[in-house]
C-alpha atoms as a PDB file:
ATOM      1  CA  UNK A   1     107.439  56.855  48.432  1.00  0.00           C
ATOM      2  CA  UNK A   2     105.334  54.550  50.613  1.00  0.00           C
ATOM      3  CA  UNK A   3     103.286  57.041  52.636  1.00  0.00           C
ATOM      4  CA  UNK A   4     101.132  54.227  54.059  1.00  0.00           C
ATOM      5  CA  UNK A   5     104.161  52.868  55.928  1.00  0.00           C
ATOM      6  CA  UNK A   6     104.842  56.311  57.427  1.00  0.00           C
ATOM      7  CA  UNK A   7     101.199  56.570  58.483  1.00  0.00           C
ATOM      8  CA  UNK A   8     101.294  53.154  60.166  1.00  0.00           C
ATOM      9  CA  UNK A   9     104.422  54.089  62.101  1.00  0.00           C
ATOM     10  CA  UNK A  10     103.135  57.468  63.263  1.00  0.00           C
ATOM     11  CA  UNK A  11      99.713  56.145  64.193  1.00  0.00           C
ATOM     12  CA  UNK A  12     101.335  54.622  67.273  1.00  0.00           C
ATOM     13  CA  UNK A  13     102.331  58.119  68.410  1.00  0.00           C
ATOM     14  CA  UNK A  14      98.667  58.995  69.001  1.00  0.00           C
ATOM     15  CA  UNK A  15      98.479  57.158  72.332  1.00  0.00           C
ATOM     16  CA  UNK A  16     101.441  59.161  73.655  1.00  0.00           C
ATOM     17  CA  UNK A  17     100.255  62.541  72.299  1.00  0.00           C
ATOM     18  CA  UNK A  18      98.030  65.198  73.790  1.00  0.00           C
ATOM     19  CA  UNK A  19      94.738  66.222  72.183  1.00  0.00           C
ATOM     20  CA  UNK A  20      96.524  68.975  70.256  1.00  0.00           C
ATOM     21  CA  UNK A  21      99.119  66.460  69.100  1.00  0.00           C
ATOM     22  CA  UNK A  22      96.385  64.222  67.692  1.00  0.00           C
ATOM     23  CA  UNK A  23      94.860  67.190  65.849  1.00  0.00           C
ATOM     24  CA  UNK A  24      98.299  68.050  64.453  1.00  0.00           C
ATOM     25  CA  UNK A  25      98.768  64.506  63.179  1.00  0.00           C
ATOM     26  CA  UNK A  26      95.331  64.558  61.536  1.00  0.00           C
ATOM     27  CA  UNK A  27      96.107  67.863  59.821  1.00  0.00           C
ATOM     28  CA  UNK A  28      99.419  66.498  58.558  1.00  0.00           C
ATOM     29  CA  UNK A  29      97.904  63.383  56.996  1.00  0.00           C
ATOM     30  CA  UNK A  30      94.671  64.874  55.668  1.00  0.00           C
ATOM     31  CA  UNK A  31      95.714  68.329  54.499  1.00  0.00           C
ATOM     32  CA  UNK A  32      99.351  67.684  53.649  1.00  0.00           C
ATOM     33  CA  UNK A  33     100.179  64.054  52.922  1.00  0.00           C
ATOM     34  CA  UNK A  34      96.837  63.267  51.250  1.00  0.00           C
ATOM     35  CA  UNK A  35      96.850  66.453  49.174  1.00  0.00           C
ATOM     36  CA  UNK A  36     100.467  65.846  48.247  1.00  0.00           C
ATOM     37  CA  UNK A  37      99.848  62.262  47.087  1.00  0.00           C
ATOM     38  CA  UNK A  38      96.528  62.861  45.326  1.00  0.00           C
ATOM     39  CA  UNK A  39      96.990  66.265  43.687  1.00  0.00           C
ATOM     40  CA  UNK A  40     100.355  67.986  44.147  1.00  0.00           C
ATOM     41  CA  UNK A  41     102.443  65.305  42.458  1.00  0.00           C
ATOM     42  CA  UNK A  42     100.124  65.401  39.437  1.00  0.00           C
ATOM     43  CA  UNK A  43     100.352  69.184  39.157  1.00  0.00           C
ATOM     44  CA  UNK A  44     104.150  69.138  39.080  1.00  0.00           C
ATOM     45  CA  UNK A  45     104.376  65.990  36.953  1.00  0.00           C
ATOM     46  CA  UNK A  46     106.749  66.425  33.989  1.00  0.00           C
ATOM     47  CA  UNK A  47     107.204  70.090  34.850  1.00  0.00           C
ATOM     48  CA  UNK A  48     110.624  70.249  33.185  1.00  0.00           C
ATOM     49  CA  UNK A  49     109.241  69.038  29.850  1.00  0.00           C
ATOM     50  CA  UNK A  50     106.525  71.718  30.029  1.00  0.00           C
ATOM     51  CA  UNK A  51     109.070  74.459  30.750  1.00  0.00           C
ATOM     52  CA  UNK A  52     109.229  76.174  27.342  1.00  0.00           C
ATOM     53  CA  UNK A  53     111.834  78.767  26.326  1.00  0.00           C
ATOM     54  CA  UNK A  54     111.957  80.987  23.220  1.00  0.00           C
ATOM     55  CA  UNK A  55     115.261  79.589  21.997  1.00  0.00           C
ATOM     56  CA  UNK A  56     116.509  76.411  20.400  1.00  0.00           C
ATOM     57  CA  UNK A  57     120.003  76.734  21.837  1.00  0.00           C
ATOM     58  CA  UNK A  58     120.969  73.242  23.124  1.00  0.00           C
ATOM     59  CA  UNK A  59     121.186  73.111  26.899  1.00  0.00           C
ATOM     60  CA  UNK A  60     119.661  76.559  27.442  1.00  0.00           C
ATOM     61  CA  UNK A  61     116.194  75.380  28.616  1.00  0.00           C
ATOM     62  CA  UNK A  62     117.820  72.981  31.084  1.00  0.00           C
ATOM     63  CA  UNK A  63     120.060  75.703  32.502  1.00  0.00           C
ATOM     64  CA  UNK A  64     117.177  78.176  32.795  1.00  0.00           C
ATOM     65  CA  UNK A  65     115.000  75.590  34.488  1.00  0.00           C
ATOM     66  CA  UNK A  66     117.768  74.790  36.979  1.00  0.00           C
ATOM     67  CA  UNK A  67     118.222  78.490  37.691  1.00  0.00           C
ATOM     68  CA  UNK A  68     114.583  79.062  38.601  1.00  0.00           C
ATOM     69  CA  UNK A  69     113.843  75.605  40.077  1.00  0.00           C
ATOM     70  CA  UNK A  70     117.006  74.638  42.013  1.00  0.00           C
ATOM     71  CA  UNK A  71     114.802  72.193  43.939  1.00  0.00           C
ATOM     72  CA  UNK A  72     111.404  70.959  42.876  1.00  0.00           C
ATOM     73  CA  UNK A  73     108.463  71.975  45.043  1.00  0.00           C
ATOM     74  CA  UNK A  74     107.203  68.414  45.434  1.00  0.00           C
ATOM     75  CA  UNK A  75     110.607  67.067  46.449  1.00  0.00           C
ATOM     76  CA  UNK A  76     111.038  69.871  48.967  1.00  0.00           C
ATOM     77  CA  UNK A  77     107.596  69.145  50.445  1.00  0.00           C
ATOM     78  CA  UNK A  78     108.337  65.436  50.588  1.00  0.00           C
ATOM     79  CA  UNK A  79     111.558  66.118  52.503  1.00  0.00           C
ATOM     80  CA  UNK A  80     109.693  68.528  54.787  1.00  0.00           C
ATOM     81  CA  UNK A  81     106.986  65.967  55.606  1.00  0.00           C
ATOM     82  CA  UNK A  82     109.569  63.301  56.383  1.00  0.00           C
ATOM     83  CA  UNK A  83     111.660  65.534  58.640  1.00  0.00           C
ATOM     84  CA  UNK A  84     108.699  67.115  60.432  1.00  0.00           C
ATOM     85  CA  UNK A  85     107.304  63.715  61.410  1.00  0.00           C
ATOM     86  CA  UNK A  86     110.632  62.175  62.464  1.00  0.00           C
ATOM     87  CA  UNK A  87     110.773  63.903  65.922  1.00  0.00           C
ATOM     88  CA  UNK A  88     107.607  62.013  66.901  1.00  0.00           C
ATOM     89  CA  UNK A  89     109.521  58.767  66.475  1.00  0.00           C
ATOM     90  CA  UNK A  90     111.907  59.807  69.256  1.00  0.00           C
ATOM     91  CA  UNK A  91     108.966  59.707  71.684  1.00  0.00           C
ATOM     92  CA  UNK A  92     108.102  56.167  70.565  1.00  0.00           C
ATOM     93  CA  UNK A  93     111.748  55.123  70.918  1.00  0.00           C
ATOM     94  CA  UNK A  94     111.938  56.604  74.423  1.00  0.00           C
ATOM     95  CA  UNK A  95     108.808  54.713  75.497  1.00  0.00           C
ATOM     96  CA  UNK A  96     110.220  51.498  74.021  1.00  0.00           C
ATOM     97  CA  UNK A  97     113.464  52.102  75.950  1.00  0.00           C
ATOM     98  CA  UNK A  98     111.498  52.501  79.189  1.00  0.00           C
ATOM     99  CA  UNK A  99     109.505  49.335  78.586  1.00  0.00           C
ATOM    100  CA  UNK A 100     112.646  47.340  77.810  1.00  0.00           C
ATOM    101  CA  UNK A 101     114.368  48.660  80.915  1.00  0.00           C
ATOM    102  CA  UNK A 102     111.334  47.730  83.010  1.00  0.00           C
ATOM    103  CA  UNK A 103     111.314  44.226  81.498  1.00  0.00           C
ATOM    104  CA  UNK A 104     115.010  43.679  82.305  1.00  0.00           C
ATOM    105  CA  UNK A 105     114.456  44.954  85.840  1.00  0.00           C
ATOM    106  CA  UNK A 106     111.618  42.469  86.407  1.00  0.00           C
ATOM    107  CA  UNK A 107     113.632  39.624  84.927  1.00  0.00           C
ATOM    108  CA  UNK A 108     116.556  40.394  87.229  1.00  0.00           C
ATOM    109  CA  UNK A 109     114.702  41.059  90.507  1.00  0.00           C
ATOM    110  CA  UNK A 110     111.559  38.971  90.024  1.00  0.00           C
ATOM    111  CA  UNK A 111     108.003  39.749  88.960  1.00  0.00           C
ATOM    112  CA  UNK A 112     107.099  41.221  92.373  1.00  0.00           C
ATOM    113  CA  UNK A 113     109.955  43.743  92.403  1.00  0.00           C
ATOM    114  CA  UNK A 114     108.983  47.429  92.676  1.00  0.00           C
ATOM    115  CA  UNK A 115     108.482  49.125  89.317  1.00  0.00           C
ATOM    116  CA  UNK A 116     111.044  51.546  87.945  1.00  0.00           C
ATOM    117  CA  UNK A 117     108.230  53.642  86.418  1.00  0.00           C
ATOM    118  CA  UNK A 118     104.653  54.031  87.636  1.00  0.00           C
ATOM    119  CA  UNK A 119     103.559  54.115  83.994  1.00  0.00           C
ATOM    120  CA  UNK A 120     106.204  54.007  81.239  1.00  0.00           C
ATOM    121  CA  UNK A 121     103.775  55.655  78.774  1.00  0.00           C
ATOM    122  CA  UNK A 122     103.151  58.734  80.925  1.00  0.00           C
ATOM    123  CA  UNK A 123     104.911  61.927  79.891  1.00  0.00           C
ATOM    124  CA  UNK A 124     106.865  62.395  83.102  1.00  0.00           C
ATOM    125  CA  UNK A 125     110.526  62.929  83.811  1.00  0.00           C
ATOM    126  CA  UNK A 126     112.760  62.356  80.814  1.00  0.00           C
ATOM    127  CA  UNK A 127     109.868  61.409  78.539  1.00  0.00           C
ATOM    128  CA  UNK A 128     108.293  64.825  79.128  1.00  0.00           C
ATOM    129  CA  UNK A 129     111.501  66.518  78.015  1.00  0.00           C
ATOM    130  CA  UNK A 130     111.754  64.235  74.974  1.00  0.00           C
ATOM    131  CA  UNK A 131     108.212  65.123  73.958  1.00  0.00           C
ATOM    132  CA  UNK A 132     108.836  68.841  74.469  1.00  0.00           C
ATOM    133  CA  UNK A 133     112.079  68.771  72.451  1.00  0.00           C
ATOM    134  CA  UNK A 134     110.311  66.890  69.632  1.00  0.00           C
ATOM    135  CA  UNK A 135     107.799  69.750  69.425  1.00  0.00           C
ATOM    136  CA  UNK A 136     110.590  72.330  69.350  1.00  0.00           C
ATOM    137  CA  UNK A 137     112.310  70.431  66.514  1.00  0.00           C
ATOM    138  CA  UNK A 138     109.024  70.382  64.594  1.00  0.00           C
ATOM    139  CA  UNK A 139     108.746  74.143  64.888  1.00  0.00           C
ATOM    140  CA  UNK A 140     112.317  74.680  63.728  1.00  0.00           C
ATOM    141  CA  UNK A 141     111.861  72.373  60.722  1.00  0.00           C
ATOM    142  CA  UNK A 142     108.603  74.069  59.689  1.00  0.00           C
ATOM    143  CA  UNK A 143     110.144  77.547  59.883  1.00  0.00           C
ATOM    144  CA  UNK A 144     113.266  76.385  58.039  1.00  0.00           C
ATOM    145  CA  UNK A 145     111.341  74.970  55.086  1.00  0.00           C
ATOM    146  CA  UNK A 146     109.037  77.980  54.877  1.00  0.00           C
ATOM    147  CA  UNK A 147     112.130  80.158  54.728  1.00  0.00           C
ATOM    148  CA  UNK A 148     113.663  77.973  52.010  1.00  0.00           C
ATOM    149  CA  UNK A 149     110.434  77.981  50.003  1.00  0.00           C
ATOM    150  CA  UNK A 150     110.212  81.756  50.210  1.00  0.00           C
ATOM    151  CA  UNK A 151     113.896  82.338  49.430  1.00  0.00           C
ATOM    152  CA  UNK A 152     114.510  79.883  46.592  1.00  0.00           C
ATOM    153  CA  UNK A 153     111.600  81.125  44.462  1.00  0.00           C
ATOM    154  CA  UNK A 154     111.512  84.784  45.573  1.00  0.00           C
ATOM    155  CA  UNK A 155     108.190  84.385  47.358  1.00  0.00           C
ATOM    156  CA  UNK A 156     105.331  81.917  47.447  1.00  0.00           C
ATOM    157  CA  UNK A 157     103.899  82.987  44.096  1.00  0.00           C
ATOM    158  CA  UNK A 158     104.423  81.404  40.692  1.00  0.00           C
ATOM    159  CA  UNK A 159     105.130  83.771  37.748  1.00  0.00           C
ATOM    160  CA  UNK A 160     104.010  82.965  34.225  1.00  0.00           C
ATOM    161  CA  UNK A 161     107.221  84.289  32.668  1.00  0.00           C
ATOM    162  CA  UNK A 162     110.789  83.984  33.932  1.00  0.00           C
ATOM    163  CA  UNK A 163     113.824  85.499  32.265  1.00  0.00           C
ATOM    164  CA  UNK A 164     117.181  83.785  32.072  1.00  0.00           C
ATOM    165  CA  UNK A 165     119.970  86.314  31.523  1.00  0.00           C
ATOM    166  CA  UNK A 166     123.740  85.980  31.240  1.00  0.00           C
ATOM    167  CA  UNK A 167     123.729  82.228  31.832  1.00  0.00           C
ATOM    168  CA  UNK A 168     125.832  80.108  29.483  1.00  0.00           C
ATOM    169  CA  UNK A 169     125.039  78.703  26.981  1.00  0.00           C
ATOM    170  CA  UNK A 170     121.940  80.925  26.640  1.00  0.00           C
ATOM    171  CA  UNK A 171     122.297  83.848  24.202  1.00  0.00           C
ATOM    172  CA  UNK A 172     121.542  87.179  25.881  1.00  0.00           C
ATOM    173  CA  UNK A 173     118.173  87.191  27.705  1.00  0.00           C
ATOM    174  CA  UNK A 174     115.875  84.204  27.228  1.00  0.00           C
ATOM    175  CA  UNK A 175     112.173  84.192  28.105  1.00  0.00           C
ATOM    176  CA  UNK A 176     110.813  80.952  29.553  1.00  0.00           C
ATOM    177  CA  UNK A 177     107.224  80.045  30.376  1.00  0.00           C
ATOM    178  CA  UNK A 178     106.012  77.886  33.275  1.00  0.00           C
ATOM    179  CA  UNK A 179     103.198  75.423  32.651  1.00  0.00           C
ATOM    180  CA  UNK A 180     100.001  75.837  34.712  1.00  0.00           C
ATOM    181  CA  UNK A 181     101.359  78.678  36.890  1.00  0.00           C
ATOM    182  CA  UNK A 182      97.993  79.569  38.486  1.00  0.00           C
ATOM    183  CA  UNK A 183      97.329  75.981  39.528  1.00  0.00           C
ATOM    184  CA  UNK A 184     100.812  75.666  40.988  1.00  0.00           C
ATOM    185  CA  UNK A 185     100.383  78.953  42.842  1.00  0.00           C
ATOM    186  CA  UNK A 186      97.126  77.780  44.444  1.00  0.00           C
ATOM    187  CA  UNK A 187      98.667  74.518  45.611  1.00  0.00           C
ATOM    188  CA  UNK A 188     101.699  76.374  46.940  1.00  0.00           C
ATOM    189  CA  UNK A 189      99.478  78.690  48.986  1.00  0.00           C
ATOM    190  CA  UNK A 190      97.497  75.721  50.267  1.00  0.00           C
ATOM    191  CA  UNK A 191     100.603  73.827  51.407  1.00  0.00           C
ATOM    192  CA  UNK A 192     102.018  76.967  53.037  1.00  0.00           C
ATOM    193  CA  UNK A 193      98.695  77.512  54.845  1.00  0.00           C
ATOM    194  CA  UNK A 194      98.656  73.908  56.080  1.00  0.00           C
ATOM    195  CA  UNK A 195     102.229  74.309  57.306  1.00  0.00           C
ATOM    196  CA  UNK A 196     101.260  77.532  59.122  1.00  0.00           C
ATOM    197  CA  UNK A 197      98.324  75.725  60.773  1.00  0.00           C
ATOM    198  CA  UNK A 198     100.703  72.999  61.977  1.00  0.00           C
ATOM    199  CA  UNK A 199     103.022  75.672  63.388  1.00  0.00           C
ATOM    200  CA  UNK A 200     100.150  77.203  65.379  1.00  0.00           C
ATOM    201  CA  UNK A 201      99.069  73.791  66.714  1.00  0.00           C
ATOM    202  CA  UNK A 202     102.630  72.885  67.704  1.00  0.00           C
ATOM    203  CA  UNK A 203     103.151  76.218  69.476  1.00  0.00           C
ATOM    204  CA  UNK A 204      99.850  75.809  71.362  1.00  0.00           C
ATOM    205  CA  UNK A 205     100.857  72.293  72.400  1.00  0.00           C
ATOM    206  CA  UNK A 206     104.183  73.564  73.760  1.00  0.00           C
ATOM    207  CA  UNK A 207     102.355  76.215  75.799  1.00  0.00           C
ATOM    208  CA  UNK A 208      99.885  73.603  77.051  1.00  0.00           C
ATOM    209  CA  UNK A 209     102.658  71.233  78.176  1.00  0.00           C
ATOM    210  CA  UNK A 210     104.546  73.959  80.038  1.00  0.00           C
ATOM    211  CA  UNK A 211     101.371  75.345  81.631  1.00  0.00           C
ATOM    212  CA  UNK A 212     100.244  71.869  82.726  1.00  0.00           C
ATOM    213  CA  UNK A 213     103.706  71.151  84.176  1.00  0.00           C
ATOM    214  CA  UNK A 214     103.729  74.417  86.162  1.00  0.00           C
ATOM    215  CA  UNK A 215     100.204  73.852  87.512  1.00  0.00           C
ATOM    216  CA  UNK A 216     101.064  70.304  88.583  1.00  0.00           C
ATOM    217  CA  UNK A 217     104.238  71.496  90.339  1.00  0.00           C
ATOM    218  CA  UNK A 218     102.314  74.191  92.237  1.00  0.00           C
ATOM    219  CA  UNK A 219      99.678  71.642  93.221  1.00  0.00           C
ATOM    220  CA  UNK A 220     102.332  69.293  94.618  1.00  0.00           C
ATOM    221  CA  UNK A 221     103.933  72.127  96.600  1.00  0.00           C
ATOM    222  CA  UNK A 222     100.572  73.091  98.082  1.00  0.00           C
ATOM    223  CA  UNK A 223      99.926  69.476  99.106  1.00  0.00           C
ATOM    224  CA  UNK A 224     103.330  69.227 100.791  1.00  0.00           C
ATOM    225  CA  UNK A 225     102.685  72.494 102.594  1.00  0.00           C
ATOM    226  CA  UNK A 226      99.315  71.195 103.830  1.00  0.00           C
ATOM    227  CA  UNK A 227     100.872  68.015 105.178  1.00  0.00           C
ATOM    228  CA  UNK A 228     103.599  69.991 106.952  1.00  0.00           C
ATOM    229  CA  UNK A 229     101.015  72.298 108.572  1.00  0.00           C
ATOM    230  CA  UNK A 230      98.928  69.323 109.758  1.00  0.00           C
ATOM    231  CA  UNK A 231     101.997  67.605 111.240  1.00  0.00           C
ATOM    232  CA  UNK A 232     103.095  70.756 113.106  1.00  0.00           C
ATOM    233  CA  UNK A 233      99.562  71.273 114.455  1.00  0.00           C
ATOM    234  CA  UNK A 234      99.510  67.680 115.715  1.00  0.00           C
ATOM    235  CA  UNK A 235     102.839  68.120 117.477  1.00  0.00           C
ATOM    236  CA  UNK A 236     101.657  71.363 119.085  1.00  0.00           C
ATOM    237  CA  UNK A 237      98.485  69.653 120.376  1.00  0.00           C
ATOM    238  CA  UNK A 238     100.571  66.832 121.834  1.00  0.00           C
ATOM    239  CA  UNK A 239     102.831  69.269 123.648  1.00  0.00           C
ATOM    240  CA  UNK A 240      99.833  71.143 125.154  1.00  0.00           C
ATOM    241  CA  UNK A 241      98.352  67.874 126.441  1.00  0.00           C
ATOM    242  CA  UNK A 242     101.707  66.904 127.904  1.00  0.00           C
ATOM    243  CA  UNK A 243     102.050  70.184 129.844  1.00  0.00           C
ATOM    244  CA  UNK A 244      98.508  69.907 131.179  1.00  0.00           C
ATOM    245  CA  UNK A 245      99.214  66.420 132.512  1.00  0.00           C
ATOM    246  CA  UNK A 246     102.357  67.670 134.215  1.00  0.00           C
ATOM    247  CA  UNK A 247     100.505  70.549 135.875  1.00  0.00           C
ATOM    248  CA  UNK A 248      97.745  68.226 137.107  1.00  0.00           C
ATOM    249  CA  UNK A 249     100.268  65.728 138.492  1.00  0.00           C
ATOM    250  CA  UNK A 250      98.836  62.831 136.467  1.00  0.00           C
ATOM    251  CA  UNK A 251     102.102  62.308 134.643  1.00  0.00           C
ATOM    252  CA  UNK A 252     105.008  61.052 136.711  1.00  0.00           C
ATOM    253  CA  UNK A 253     108.579  61.746 135.567  1.00  0.00           C
ATOM    254  CA  UNK A 254     109.295  58.107 134.774  1.00  0.00           C
ATOM    255  CA  UNK A 255     106.052  57.498 132.871  1.00  0.00           C
ATOM    256  CA  UNK A 256     105.810  60.772 130.973  1.00  0.00           C
ATOM    257  CA  UNK A 257     107.693  59.351 127.987  1.00  0.00           C
ATOM    258  CA  UNK A 258     105.384  56.332 127.672  1.00  0.00           C
ATOM    259  CA  UNK A 259     102.212  58.435 127.898  1.00  0.00           C
ATOM    260  CA  UNK A 260     103.637  60.953 125.453  1.00  0.00           C
ATOM    261  CA  UNK A 261     104.312  58.196 122.880  1.00  0.00           C
ATOM    262  CA  UNK A 262     100.822  56.806 123.443  1.00  0.00           C
ATOM    263  CA  UNK A 263      99.178  60.191 122.876  1.00  0.00           C
ATOM    264  CA  UNK A 264     101.331  61.180 119.895  1.00  0.00           C
ATOM    265  CA  UNK A 265     100.140  60.057 116.451  1.00  0.00           C
ATOM    266  CA  UNK A 266     102.145  57.460 114.560  1.00  0.00           C
ATOM    267  CA  UNK A 267     103.923  59.043 111.564  1.00  0.00           C
ATOM    268  CA  UNK A 268     104.865  56.792 108.643  1.00  0.00           C
ATOM    269  CA  UNK A 269     107.076  57.894 105.759  1.00  0.00           C
ATOM    270  CA  UNK A 270     105.288  58.657 102.466  1.00  0.00           C
END
């Protein structure tokens, strides 16, 4: 598999990600993709040929190997890495859709037409929801593959001896031995730990996005409330000045409207 191509594609996600998202991407490429390419594939290389059983019955070693290794660790990790990075591409696609829509809008209404988006790259509106859903999908994929890894091999460990019983064409109970079980166990624990670290980073990023969205909404509400209070205070001051002019006799009935408009502030829509 060409991991360099995947890295080039996902590197463009960095400019749309938060700080936690950039850390997550670094952890994925350094502690998962790099370890997978450099070491993990070598550890599991030719693992079926090194799976030795104490019988010469034709087909029995293959059946026993398939029983204990229904899916190879390296192939499962490769599928996990591909699926866990795919949700980030939806963010890039959404940004590209916004930019294309903005380009068509300018071409139709002229270069001086008002923009559809203040900044197409900002995580606002639909793009914010796309980014949030991509993080949720990452969490689900990570948990799913950890569950599969734990269920298919009865835990994250790697036994030295496995027994194949009552499986045709094996006679009775057959003992089979896994090559380099300690080394495979260490790499399995390392990949599970890296996946757990990515889960923590993704969960923290989700909390950060929601917290930042709530704080920004409260800030906008407070600003609107401040503007409304200032406008009401201005109207009240205008009314007090108007009544004082009436009491003093300086404001005639036919000119009170003109003086009131002159004293009132000019309000423009925001």
